[in-house]
Every structure is written in structure tokens, then in C-alpha cells.
Amino acid sequence: MNPFWLLLLILVGAPLFELYLLIQVGSVIGALPTIVLSVFTAVLGALLMRQQGFAAAQRAQQAMARGEMPALELLEGVLIFLAGAVLLFPGFVTDALGFLLLISPLRRRLLLALLKRAQVIQPAQSSGQQAGGQRYIEGEFRREDE
């Protein structure tokens, strides 16, 4: 499928589907409870996003203090920001997606799966041999100063 049509479908179809669900829920529980529920999920999502964001920033600082590159922590921060942005949109499907992105183990698994799919990380056995928790990469070198 052409990426333009896919983007158009998402940008037009998703809000229409959310609007349909809001109307259906509003017809069952009433307009005011539906609006209160939508605002409540946005506020709760913002609070959770703030808490998760600070935790991810703290983990990134700890990794940097250990001398490690905090790549996963930074990517988690991006997903936390995305979750918060999605939670601000009114609708139940986007709220469910945003709350799922705020679940730390699920978010980590999603990141690892995306990185493997993009071939950014390789399975442990294919990129080097593991011995005692250390990774060895085979290669050759020579000194230029001699």
C-alpha cells in the first residue's frame, strides 16, 4: 500500500472511529460522564507520563554514571512522550494505546522488537561469542607505530 494512502487513512480514519466510539459510549452513559471520563484519562495519562518520564531520565543518568550509553532509556523516553501525546487526544482507543505504552515491561519489549526488526541489534549468538557475560568480537589488528 502506498505510504501516502496509509497515512491519510490513519489521519482521517482514526479520528472518525474515535468519534464514533465516543458517540456510542455517550449514548449509553450520557454526554457529561463521557466528557468527564475523557478528561480524566487525559489527566491521569499526563500524571503517569510525568512519573514514567522522570524514572526513565533517572535510569539514563544512572547508565551514564556507569559509563554506559543510555540508548534504550532514551528510546523509552521517546515512547513515554508519544504515550502522553496520544493520551491527550480524546478517545478510548488512543487512551488504551497510550496506557499500554506506559507499561514499562511492555514498552521495553516493544522497543527491543522494533530494534531487532530494524536490524539495529542482533541476537547475542550471531554477533559474538558470550563467555561469562562478556562479549568477544573476533577481528585482526596491527600496530602502526612499529
C-alpha atoms as a PDB file:
ATOM      1  CA  MET A   1       0.000   0.000   0.000  1.00  0.00           C
ATOM      2  CA  ASN A   2       1.205   3.477  -0.823  1.00  0.00           C
ATOM      3  CA  PRO A   3       2.507   5.240   2.336  1.00  0.00           C
ATOM      4  CA  PHE A   4       0.517   8.372   1.452  1.00  0.00           C
ATOM      5  CA  TRP A   5      -2.777   6.480   1.468  1.00  0.00           C
ATOM      6  CA  LEU A   6      -1.848   4.691   4.669  1.00  0.00           C
ATOM      7  CA  LEU A   7      -1.063   7.995   6.388  1.00  0.00           C
ATOM      8  CA  LEU A   8      -4.293   9.512   5.052  1.00  0.00           C
ATOM      9  CA  LEU A   9      -6.256   6.513   6.314  1.00  0.00           C
ATOM     10  CA  ILE A  10      -4.705   6.866   9.776  1.00  0.00           C
ATOM     11  CA  LEU A  11      -5.139  10.643   9.969  1.00  0.00           C
ATOM     12  CA  VAL A  12      -8.756  10.565   8.780  1.00  0.00           C
ATOM     13  CA  GLY A  13      -9.937   7.110   9.780  1.00  0.00           C
ATOM     14  CA  ALA A  14      -8.670   7.039  13.350  1.00  0.00           C
ATOM     15  CA  PRO A  15     -10.380  10.268  14.464  1.00  0.00           C
ATOM     16  CA  LEU A  16     -13.625   9.209  12.781  1.00  0.00           C
ATOM     17  CA  PHE A  17     -13.503   5.851  14.553  1.00  0.00           C
ATOM     18  CA  GLU A  18     -12.760   7.576  17.872  1.00  0.00           C
ATOM     19  CA  LEU A  19     -15.664   9.963  17.297  1.00  0.00           C
ATOM     20  CA  TYR A  20     -17.947   7.031  16.551  1.00  0.00           C
ATOM     21  CA  LEU A  21     -16.907   5.302  19.793  1.00  0.00           C
ATOM     22  CA  LEU A  22     -17.372   8.490  21.818  1.00  0.00           C
ATOM     23  CA  ILE A  23     -20.876   8.902  20.409  1.00  0.00           C
ATOM     24  CA  GLN A  24     -21.725   5.271  21.178  1.00  0.00           C
ATOM     25  CA  VAL A  25     -20.405   5.487  24.742  1.00  0.00           C
ATOM     26  CA  GLY A  26     -22.124   8.863  25.194  1.00  0.00           C
ATOM     27  CA  SER A  27     -25.446   7.374  24.131  1.00  0.00           C
ATOM     28  CA  VAL A  28     -25.087   4.655  26.771  1.00  0.00           C
ATOM     29  CA  ILE A  29     -23.695   6.562  29.780  1.00  0.00           C
ATOM     30  CA  GLY A  30     -24.580  10.122  28.793  1.00  0.00           C
ATOM     31  CA  ALA A  31     -22.682  13.079  27.364  1.00  0.00           C
ATOM     32  CA  LEU A  32     -21.358  14.572  30.606  1.00  0.00           C
ATOM     33  CA  PRO A  33     -19.942  11.294  32.017  1.00  0.00           C
ATOM     34  CA  THR A  34     -18.290  10.647  28.648  1.00  0.00           C
ATOM     35  CA  ILE A  35     -16.626  14.075  28.691  1.00  0.00           C
ATOM     36  CA  VAL A  36     -15.547  13.616  32.331  1.00  0.00           C
ATOM     37  CA  LEU A  37     -14.130  10.174  31.511  1.00  0.00           C
ATOM     38  CA  SER A  38     -12.214  11.584  28.547  1.00  0.00           C
ATOM     39  CA  VAL A  39     -10.766  14.447  30.624  1.00  0.00           C
ATOM     40  CA  PHE A  40      -9.961  12.058  33.480  1.00  0.00           C
ATOM     41  CA  THR A  41      -7.959   9.743  31.210  1.00  0.00           C
ATOM     42  CA  ALA A  42      -6.049  12.734  29.812  1.00  0.00           C
ATOM     43  CA  VAL A  43      -5.151  13.994  33.303  1.00  0.00           C
ATOM     44  CA  LEU A  44      -4.273  10.517  34.569  1.00  0.00           C
ATOM     45  CA  GLY A  45      -2.172   9.932  31.471  1.00  0.00           C
ATOM     46  CA  ALA A  46      -0.297  13.203  31.974  1.00  0.00           C
ATOM     47  CA  LEU A  47       0.475  12.287  35.587  1.00  0.00           C
ATOM     48  CA  LEU A  48       1.639   8.796  34.651  1.00  0.00           C
ATOM     49  CA  MET A  49       3.693  10.177  31.771  1.00  0.00           C
ATOM     50  CA  ARG A  50       5.420  12.581  34.139  1.00  0.00           C
ATOM     51  CA  GLN A  51       6.215   9.825  36.636  1.00  0.00           C
ATOM     52  CA  GLN A  52       7.450   7.407  33.958  1.00  0.00           C
ATOM     53  CA  GLY A  53       9.451  10.165  32.262  1.00  0.00           C
ATOM     54  CA  PHE A  54      11.290  11.046  35.463  1.00  0.00           C
ATOM     55  CA  ALA A  55      12.003   7.351  36.091  1.00  0.00           C
ATOM     56  CA  ALA A  56      13.399   6.929  32.569  1.00  0.00           C
ATOM     57  CA  ALA A  57      15.551  10.051  32.961  1.00  0.00           C
ATOM     58  CA  GLN A  58      16.888   8.716  36.262  1.00  0.00           C
ATOM     59  CA  ARG A  59      17.725   5.355  34.658  1.00  0.00           C
ATOM     60  CA  ALA A  60      19.511   7.199  31.826  1.00  0.00           C
ATOM     61  CA  GLN A  61      21.560   9.205  34.332  1.00  0.00           C
ATOM     62  CA  GLN A  62      22.483   6.027  36.222  1.00  0.00           C
ATOM     63  CA  ALA A  63      23.588   4.362  32.986  1.00  0.00           C
ATOM     64  CA  MET A  64      25.734   7.378  32.096  1.00  0.00           C
ATOM     65  CA  ALA A  65      27.249   7.334  35.597  1.00  0.00           C
ATOM     66  CA  ARG A  66      28.251   3.705  34.995  1.00  0.00           C
ATOM     67  CA  GLY A  67      29.845   4.767  31.701  1.00  0.00           C
ATOM     68  CA  GLU A  68      27.198   3.072  29.557  1.00  0.00           C
ATOM     69  CA  MET A  69      25.310   4.542  26.624  1.00  0.00           C
ATOM     70  CA  PRO A  70      21.662   5.034  27.727  1.00  0.00           C
ATOM     71  CA  ALA A  71      20.209   4.242  24.300  1.00  0.00           C
ATOM     72  CA  LEU A  72      17.255   2.131  25.463  1.00  0.00           C
ATOM     73  CA  GLU A  73      16.424   4.601  28.218  1.00  0.00           C
ATOM     74  CA  LEU A  74      16.366   7.466  25.720  1.00  0.00           C
ATOM     75  CA  LEU A  75      14.163   5.495  23.339  1.00  0.00           C
ATOM     76  CA  GLU A  76      11.877   4.664  26.260  1.00  0.00           C
ATOM     77  CA  GLY A  77      11.656   8.390  26.924  1.00  0.00           C
ATOM     78  CA  VAL A  78      10.528   8.917  23.342  1.00  0.00           C
ATOM     79  CA  LEU A  79       7.833   6.254  23.723  1.00  0.00           C
ATOM     80  CA  ILE A  80       6.722   7.786  27.019  1.00  0.00           C
ATOM     81  CA  PHE A  81       6.382  11.169  25.304  1.00  0.00           C
ATOM     82  CA  LEU A  82       4.449   9.516  22.466  1.00  0.00           C
ATOM     83  CA  ALA A  83       2.179   7.819  25.012  1.00  0.00           C
ATOM     84  CA  GLY A  84       1.476  11.148  26.681  1.00  0.00           C
ATOM     85  CA  ALA A  85       0.715  12.804  23.369  1.00  0.00           C
ATOM     86  CA  VAL A  86      -1.665  10.006  22.420  1.00  0.00           C
ATOM     87  CA  LEU A  87      -3.374  10.215  25.822  1.00  0.00           C
ATOM     88  CA  LEU A  88      -4.135  13.886  25.262  1.00  0.00           C
ATOM     89  CA  PHE A  89      -6.259  13.047  22.209  1.00  0.00           C
ATOM     90  CA  PRO A  90      -9.864  12.383  23.179  1.00  0.00           C
ATOM     91  CA  GLY A  91     -10.932   8.821  22.558  1.00  0.00           C
ATOM     92  CA  PHE A  92     -10.876   5.396  24.076  1.00  0.00           C
ATOM     93  CA  VAL A  93      -8.700   3.581  21.534  1.00  0.00           C
ATOM     94  CA  THR A  94      -5.942   6.198  21.733  1.00  0.00           C
ATOM     95  CA  ASP A  95      -6.208   6.149  25.535  1.00  0.00           C
ATOM     96  CA  ALA A  96      -5.805   2.368  25.568  1.00  0.00           C
ATOM     97  CA  LEU A  97      -2.780   2.644  23.267  1.00  0.00           C
ATOM     98  CA  GLY A  98      -1.271   5.376  25.444  1.00  0.00           C
ATOM     99  CA  PHE A  99      -1.772   3.427  28.664  1.00  0.00           C
ATOM    100  CA  LEU A 100      -0.250   0.313  27.073  1.00  0.00           C
ATOM    101  CA  LEU A 101       2.835   2.349  26.147  1.00  0.00           C
ATOM    102  CA  LEU A 102       3.143   3.427  29.783  1.00  0.00           C
ATOM    103  CA  ILE A 103       3.572  -0.168  30.974  1.00  0.00           C
ATOM    104  CA  SER A 104       7.334  -0.443  31.397  1.00  0.00           C
ATOM    105  CA  PRO A 105       7.907  -4.155  30.577  1.00  0.00           C
ATOM    106  CA  LEU A 106       5.635  -3.936  27.546  1.00  0.00           C
ATOM    107  CA  ARG A 107       7.364  -0.761  26.375  1.00  0.00           C
ATOM    108  CA  ARG A 108      10.811  -2.392  26.734  1.00  0.00           C
ATOM    109  CA  ARG A 109       9.718  -5.488  24.779  1.00  0.00           C
ATOM    110  CA  LEU A 110       8.238  -3.311  22.050  1.00  0.00           C
ATOM    111  CA  LEU A 111      11.488  -1.361  21.779  1.00  0.00           C
ATOM    112  CA  LEU A 112      13.612  -4.489  21.608  1.00  0.00           C
ATOM    113  CA  ALA A 113      11.329  -5.996  18.953  1.00  0.00           C
ATOM    114  CA  LEU A 114      11.467  -2.797  16.887  1.00  0.00           C
ATOM    115  CA  LEU A 115      15.252  -2.613  17.179  1.00  0.00           C
ATOM    116  CA  LYS A 116      15.620  -6.249  16.131  1.00  0.00           C
ATOM    117  CA  ARG A 117      13.272  -5.719  13.206  1.00  0.00           C
ATOM    118  CA  ALA A 118      15.226  -2.653  12.105  1.00  0.00           C
ATOM    119  CA  GLN A 119      18.383  -4.773  12.477  1.00  0.00           C
ATOM    120  CA  VAL A 120      19.896  -2.302  14.922  1.00  0.00           C
ATOM    121  CA  ILE A 121      20.598  -5.098  17.388  1.00  0.00           C
ATOM    122  CA  GLN A 122      21.388  -8.692  16.584  1.00  0.00           C
ATOM    123  CA  PRO A 123      20.705 -11.836  18.574  1.00  0.00           C
ATOM    124  CA  ALA A 124      23.533 -12.448  21.058  1.00  0.00           C
ATOM    125  CA  GLN A 125      24.919 -15.618  19.476  1.00  0.00           C
ATOM    126  CA  SER A 126      25.233 -14.233  15.938  1.00  0.00           C
ATOM    127  CA  SER A 127      27.236 -11.086  16.658  1.00  0.00           C
ATOM    128  CA  GLY A 128      29.848 -12.513  19.009  1.00  0.00           C
ATOM    129  CA  GLN A 129      30.523 -15.279  21.458  1.00  0.00           C
ATOM    130  CA  GLN A 130      29.300 -14.829  25.002  1.00  0.00           C
ATOM    131  CA  ALA A 131      31.548 -16.041  27.829  1.00  0.00           C
ATOM    132  CA  GLY A 132      30.976 -15.071  31.421  1.00  0.00           C
ATOM    133  CA  GLY A 133      28.680 -12.203  30.488  1.00  0.00           C
ATOM    134  CA  GLN A 134      31.309 -10.574  28.259  1.00  0.00           C
ATOM    135  CA  ARG A 135      31.035 -10.233  24.504  1.00  0.00           C
ATOM    136  CA  TYR A 136      34.023 -11.071  22.339  1.00  0.00           C
ATOM    137  CA  ILE A 137      34.226  -9.884  18.761  1.00  0.00           C
ATOM    138  CA  GLU A 138      36.740 -11.572  16.504  1.00  0.00           C
ATOM    139  CA  GLY A 139      38.984  -9.396  14.389  1.00  0.00           C
ATOM    140  CA  GLU A 140      42.523  -8.539  13.361  1.00  0.00           C
ATOM    141  CA  PHE A 141      44.703  -5.563  14.156  1.00  0.00           C
ATOM    142  CA  ARG A 142      48.217  -4.321  13.631  1.00  0.00           C
ATOM    143  CA  ARG A 143      50.263  -1.581  15.220  1.00  0.00           C
ATOM    144  CA  GLU A 144      51.158   1.342  13.057  1.00  0.00           C
ATOM    145  CA  ASP A 145      53.917   2.712  15.344  1.00  0.00           C
ATOM    146  CA  GLU A 146      56.393  -0.144  14.777  1.00  0.00           C
END
